Amino acid sequence: MALKNDWVRIHRNVLEPEDRTGKLPEDTKKVPLEMWVKGRLQDEKAEIGDEVTVMTCVGRLEHGRMIEVNPCYDLGYGEFVPEILQMEESLRTALFGGDGK
């Protein structure tokens, strides 16, 4: 549960597929234009899945379905790629004459 002024993330479809412009690639035309926004909850209280209003950091009011309370940054750089490790080892050898330790 989230209370008024808690930091939350919301989601909503801004445009449904049938409302999107015709000047898009075919695969893009088939899906809605979606928006995810973080902000301070303006409702007194809400549960995940409730339609709510938030105020963003820049003072904009947005509405949507609450999907997360106290969202954090979850950055990832993808799966392990063995070729990148090989490049690193080659660079260490070229730059430092060995393993670089």
N, C-alpha and C. Protein backbone atom coordinates (compact mmCIF):
# COMPACT_ATOMS: atom_id res chain seq x y z
N MET A 1 0.85 -1.18 0.00
CA MET A 1 0.00 0.00 0.00
C MET A 1 0.89 1.24 0.00
N ALA A 2 0.46 2.26 -0.69
CA ALA A 2 1.16 3.54 -0.73
C ALA A 2 0.24 4.61 -0.16
N LEU A 3 0.87 5.58 0.50
CA LEU A 3 0.12 6.70 1.07
C LEU A 3 0.48 7.98 0.33
N LYS A 4 -0.34 9.00 0.52
CA LYS A 4 -0.12 10.28 -0.15
C LYS A 4 1.34 10.73 0.01
N ASN A 5 1.93 11.20 -1.09
CA ASN A 5 3.30 11.68 -1.20
C ASN A 5 4.36 10.59 -1.25
N ASP A 6 3.96 9.30 -1.21
CA ASP A 6 4.94 8.24 -1.42
C ASP A 6 5.42 8.28 -2.86
N TRP A 7 6.65 7.84 -3.09
CA TRP A 7 7.26 7.80 -4.42
C TRP A 7 6.79 6.53 -5.10
N VAL A 8 6.14 6.64 -6.27
CA VAL A 8 5.57 5.48 -6.95
C VAL A 8 5.84 5.58 -8.45
N ARG A 9 5.66 4.45 -9.12
CA ARG A 9 5.75 4.41 -10.59
C ARG A 9 4.38 4.02 -11.13
N ILE A 10 3.96 4.73 -12.20
CA ILE A 10 2.69 4.43 -12.84
C ILE A 10 2.92 4.05 -14.30
N HIS A 11 1.90 3.45 -14.89
CA HIS A 11 1.94 3.05 -16.29
C HIS A 11 0.58 3.36 -16.91
N ARG A 12 0.64 3.77 -18.18
CA ARG A 12 -0.62 3.88 -18.94
C ARG A 12 -0.30 3.87 -20.43
N ASN A 13 -1.29 3.48 -21.20
CA ASN A 13 -1.18 3.54 -22.65
C ASN A 13 -1.59 4.95 -23.09
N VAL A 14 -0.67 5.64 -23.74
CA VAL A 14 -0.94 6.99 -24.21
C VAL A 14 -1.76 6.94 -25.49
N LEU A 15 -1.41 6.04 -26.39
CA LEU A 15 -2.16 5.84 -27.63
C LEU A 15 -2.34 4.35 -27.88
N GLU A 16 -3.55 3.97 -28.23
CA GLU A 16 -3.82 2.59 -28.61
C GLU A 16 -3.35 2.40 -30.06
N PRO A 17 -3.12 1.16 -30.48
CA PRO A 17 -2.60 0.93 -31.84
C PRO A 17 -3.42 1.61 -32.94
N GLU A 18 -4.73 1.59 -32.82
CA GLU A 18 -5.58 2.18 -33.87
C GLU A 18 -5.50 3.71 -33.89
N ASP A 19 -4.97 4.33 -32.83
CA ASP A 19 -4.86 5.78 -32.77
C ASP A 19 -3.49 6.30 -33.20
N ARG A 20 -2.56 5.40 -33.50
CA ARG A 20 -1.21 5.82 -33.85
C ARG A 20 -1.13 6.22 -35.32
N THR A 21 -0.18 7.06 -35.65
CA THR A 21 -0.01 7.55 -37.01
C THR A 21 0.33 6.42 -37.97
N GLY A 22 0.01 6.61 -39.23
CA GLY A 22 0.29 5.60 -40.24
C GLY A 22 1.74 5.61 -40.70
N LYS A 23 2.52 6.58 -40.29
CA LYS A 23 3.90 6.71 -40.75
C LYS A 23 4.88 6.00 -39.80
N LEU A 24 4.49 4.85 -39.32
CA LEU A 24 5.34 4.07 -38.42
C LEU A 24 5.65 2.73 -39.06
N PRO A 25 6.75 2.09 -38.64
CA PRO A 25 7.01 0.72 -39.11
C PRO A 25 5.84 -0.19 -38.72
N GLU A 26 5.59 -1.21 -39.51
CA GLU A 26 4.44 -2.09 -39.29
C GLU A 26 4.41 -2.69 -37.89
N ASP A 27 5.57 -3.16 -37.39
CA ASP A 27 5.57 -3.79 -36.06
C ASP A 27 5.28 -2.77 -34.96
N THR A 28 5.66 -1.51 -35.17
CA THR A 28 5.40 -0.46 -34.18
C THR A 28 3.92 -0.09 -34.16
N LYS A 29 3.29 -0.06 -35.33
CA LYS A 29 1.86 0.28 -35.42
C LYS A 29 0.97 -0.68 -34.65
N LYS A 30 1.45 -1.91 -34.44
CA LYS A 30 0.61 -2.95 -33.84
C LYS A 30 0.55 -2.88 -32.31
N VAL A 31 1.36 -2.05 -31.71
CA VAL A 31 1.41 -2.00 -30.24
C VAL A 31 1.06 -0.60 -29.75
N PRO A 32 0.56 -0.49 -28.52
CA PRO A 32 0.24 0.84 -27.99
C PRO A 32 1.50 1.63 -27.66
N LEU A 33 1.37 2.95 -27.63
CA LEU A 33 2.44 3.82 -27.13
C LEU A 33 2.25 3.87 -25.62
N GLU A 34 3.25 3.39 -24.88
CA GLU A 34 3.14 3.27 -23.43
C GLU A 34 3.99 4.32 -22.72
N MET A 35 3.60 4.63 -21.48
CA MET A 35 4.32 5.59 -20.67
C MET A 35 4.48 5.03 -19.26
N TRP A 36 5.68 5.16 -18.73
CA TRP A 36 5.96 4.83 -17.34
C TRP A 36 6.50 6.11 -16.71
N VAL A 37 5.95 6.50 -15.56
CA VAL A 37 6.35 7.75 -14.91
C VAL A 37 6.47 7.51 -13.41
N LYS A 38 7.47 8.17 -12.81
CA LYS A 38 7.60 8.14 -11.35
C LYS A 38 7.19 9.50 -10.80
N GLY A 39 6.60 9.47 -9.61
CA GLY A 39 6.20 10.72 -8.98
C GLY A 39 5.63 10.48 -7.61
N ARG A 40 5.23 11.57 -6.96
CA ARG A 40 4.64 11.50 -5.62
C ARG A 40 3.14 11.28 -5.74
N LEU A 41 2.66 10.27 -5.05
CA LEU A 41 1.24 9.91 -5.08
C LEU A 41 0.40 11.07 -4.57
N GLN A 42 -0.64 11.42 -5.29
CA GLN A 42 -1.53 12.50 -4.91
C GLN A 42 -2.81 12.00 -4.23
N ASP A 43 -3.11 10.71 -4.39
CA ASP A 43 -4.27 10.12 -3.73
C ASP A 43 -3.92 9.87 -2.26
N GLU A 44 -4.94 9.77 -1.40
CA GLU A 44 -4.70 9.54 0.03
C GLU A 44 -4.02 8.20 0.28
N LYS A 45 -4.44 7.15 -0.44
CA LYS A 45 -3.80 5.84 -0.35
C LYS A 45 -4.16 5.04 -1.58
N ALA A 46 -3.33 4.07 -1.91
CA ALA A 46 -3.58 3.27 -3.11
C ALA A 46 -2.84 1.94 -3.01
N GLU A 47 -3.34 0.98 -3.75
CA GLU A 47 -2.74 -0.36 -3.85
C GLU A 47 -2.19 -0.53 -5.26
N ILE A 48 -1.25 -1.45 -5.42
CA ILE A 48 -0.75 -1.79 -6.74
C ILE A 48 -1.94 -2.15 -7.63
N GLY A 49 -1.98 -1.58 -8.83
CA GLY A 49 -3.07 -1.84 -9.76
C GLY A 49 -4.15 -0.77 -9.76
N ASP A 50 -4.17 0.09 -8.73
CA ASP A 50 -5.16 1.16 -8.67
C ASP A 50 -4.81 2.27 -9.67
N GLU A 51 -5.84 2.94 -10.18
CA GLU A 51 -5.65 4.13 -11.01
C GLU A 51 -5.39 5.30 -10.07
N VAL A 52 -4.27 5.99 -10.28
CA VAL A 52 -3.86 7.06 -9.37
C VAL A 52 -3.35 8.26 -10.16
N THR A 53 -3.11 9.34 -9.42
CA THR A 53 -2.49 10.55 -9.97
C THR A 53 -1.19 10.77 -9.21
N VAL A 54 -0.14 11.15 -9.95
CA VAL A 54 1.14 11.46 -9.33
C VAL A 54 1.59 12.84 -9.77
N MET A 55 2.45 13.46 -8.95
CA MET A 55 3.10 14.70 -9.34
C MET A 55 4.57 14.38 -9.58
N THR A 56 5.04 14.67 -10.79
CA THR A 56 6.41 14.37 -11.16
C THR A 56 7.36 15.39 -10.53
N CYS A 57 8.66 15.14 -10.69
CA CYS A 57 9.68 16.05 -10.14
C CYS A 57 9.58 17.46 -10.70
N VAL A 58 9.06 17.57 -11.91
CA VAL A 58 8.94 18.90 -12.52
C VAL A 58 7.57 19.52 -12.31
N GLY A 59 6.74 18.92 -11.45
CA GLY A 59 5.44 19.49 -11.11
C GLY A 59 4.31 19.14 -12.04
N ARG A 60 4.53 18.18 -12.94
CA ARG A 60 3.49 17.77 -13.89
C ARG A 60 2.61 16.71 -13.23
N LEU A 61 1.30 16.81 -13.38
CA LEU A 61 0.38 15.79 -12.88
C LEU A 61 0.13 14.77 -13.98
N GLU A 62 0.30 13.50 -13.64
CA GLU A 62 0.04 12.40 -14.58
C GLU A 62 -0.83 11.37 -13.88
N HIS A 63 -1.58 10.63 -14.68
CA HIS A 63 -2.43 9.58 -14.11
C HIS A 63 -2.10 8.25 -14.79
N GLY A 64 -2.38 7.18 -14.08
CA GLY A 64 -2.15 5.85 -14.63
C GLY A 64 -2.34 4.80 -13.56
N ARG A 65 -2.01 3.56 -13.91
CA ARG A 65 -2.14 2.43 -12.99
C ARG A 65 -0.85 2.31 -12.20
N MET A 66 -0.95 2.31 -10.87
CA MET A 66 0.24 2.21 -10.02
C MET A 66 0.82 0.80 -10.14
N ILE A 67 2.11 0.73 -10.47
CA ILE A 67 2.75 -0.57 -10.66
C ILE A 67 3.87 -0.85 -9.66
N GLU A 68 4.32 0.20 -8.93
CA GLU A 68 5.42 -0.01 -8.00
C GLU A 68 5.47 1.10 -6.96
N VAL A 69 5.82 0.73 -5.74
CA VAL A 69 6.01 1.69 -4.66
C VAL A 69 7.50 1.77 -4.36
N ASN A 70 8.02 2.97 -4.20
CA ASN A 70 9.45 3.21 -3.96
C ASN A 70 10.31 2.54 -5.03
N PRO A 71 10.08 2.86 -6.30
CA PRO A 71 10.87 2.24 -7.37
C PRO A 71 12.33 2.69 -7.29
N CYS A 72 13.21 1.80 -7.67
CA CYS A 72 14.62 2.14 -7.69
C CYS A 72 15.16 1.91 -9.10
N TYR A 73 16.35 2.41 -9.34
CA TYR A 73 16.98 2.20 -10.64
C TYR A 73 17.48 0.76 -10.70
N ASP A 74 17.20 0.09 -11.79
CA ASP A 74 17.62 -1.29 -11.98
C ASP A 74 18.33 -1.34 -13.32
N LEU A 75 19.60 -0.94 -13.31
CA LEU A 75 20.35 -0.88 -14.56
C LEU A 75 21.05 -2.20 -14.80
N GLY A 76 21.00 -2.65 -16.01
CA GLY A 76 21.69 -3.87 -16.40
C GLY A 76 22.34 -3.67 -17.75
N TYR A 77 23.38 -4.39 -17.99
CA TYR A 77 24.09 -4.25 -19.25
C TYR A 77 24.02 -5.52 -20.07
N GLY A 78 22.98 -6.29 -19.86
CA GLY A 78 22.78 -7.48 -20.66
C GLY A 78 23.48 -8.70 -20.10
N GLU A 79 23.43 -9.75 -20.88
CA GLU A 79 24.03 -11.03 -20.51
C GLU A 79 25.53 -11.01 -20.73
N PHE A 80 26.22 -11.97 -20.14
CA PHE A 80 27.65 -12.12 -20.31
C PHE A 80 27.97 -12.42 -21.77
N VAL A 81 28.97 -11.72 -22.32
CA VAL A 81 29.38 -11.91 -23.71
C VAL A 81 30.85 -12.31 -23.70
N PRO A 82 31.17 -13.58 -24.01
CA PRO A 82 32.54 -14.05 -23.93
C PRO A 82 33.51 -13.25 -24.79
N GLU A 83 33.05 -12.75 -25.92
CA GLU A 83 33.93 -11.98 -26.80
C GLU A 83 34.43 -10.71 -26.14
N ILE A 84 33.63 -10.11 -25.28
CA ILE A 84 34.06 -8.90 -24.58
C ILE A 84 35.18 -9.23 -23.60
N LEU A 85 35.09 -10.35 -22.94
CA LEU A 85 36.16 -10.79 -22.05
C LEU A 85 37.45 -11.01 -22.83
N GLN A 86 37.34 -11.62 -24.00
CA GLN A 86 38.53 -11.84 -24.85
C GLN A 86 39.14 -10.51 -25.28
N MET A 87 38.29 -9.53 -25.61
CA MET A 87 38.81 -8.20 -25.99
C MET A 87 39.53 -7.56 -24.80
N GLU A 88 38.95 -7.68 -23.62
CA GLU A 88 39.58 -7.11 -22.43
C GLU A 88 40.96 -7.71 -22.21
N GLU A 89 41.05 -9.04 -22.31
CA GLU A 89 42.33 -9.71 -22.11
C GLU A 89 43.35 -9.29 -23.16
N SER A 90 42.92 -9.15 -24.41
CA SER A 90 43.82 -8.71 -25.48
C SER A 90 44.31 -7.29 -25.23
N LEU A 91 43.42 -6.41 -24.78
CA LEU A 91 43.81 -5.04 -24.49
C LEU A 91 44.79 -4.96 -23.32
N ARG A 92 44.54 -5.75 -22.28
CA ARG A 92 45.46 -5.77 -21.15
C ARG A 92 46.86 -6.19 -21.60
N THR A 93 46.91 -7.19 -22.43
CA THR A 93 48.21 -7.67 -22.93
C THR A 93 48.89 -6.60 -23.76
N ALA A 94 48.13 -5.95 -24.65
CA ALA A 94 48.70 -4.92 -25.52
C ALA A 94 49.14 -3.68 -24.73
N LEU A 95 48.35 -3.29 -23.75
CA LEU A 95 48.65 -2.06 -23.01
C LEU A 95 49.64 -2.24 -21.88
N PHE A 96 49.56 -3.37 -21.19
CA PHE A 96 50.36 -3.56 -19.98
C PHE A 96 51.37 -4.70 -20.09
N GLY A 97 51.40 -5.39 -21.22
CA GLY A 97 52.36 -6.46 -21.39
C GLY A 97 52.06 -7.70 -20.58
N GLY A 98 50.82 -7.91 -20.22
CA GLY A 98 50.45 -9.08 -19.43
C GLY A 98 49.02 -8.97 -19.00
N ASP A 99 48.73 -9.44 -17.79
CA ASP A 99 47.35 -9.43 -17.31
C ASP A 99 46.94 -8.11 -16.68
N GLY A 100 47.86 -7.13 -16.63
CA GLY A 100 47.51 -5.81 -16.13
C GLY A 100 47.47 -5.69 -14.63
N LYS A 101 47.97 -6.69 -13.91
CA LYS A 101 47.93 -6.64 -12.44
C LYS A 101 49.16 -5.97 -11.90
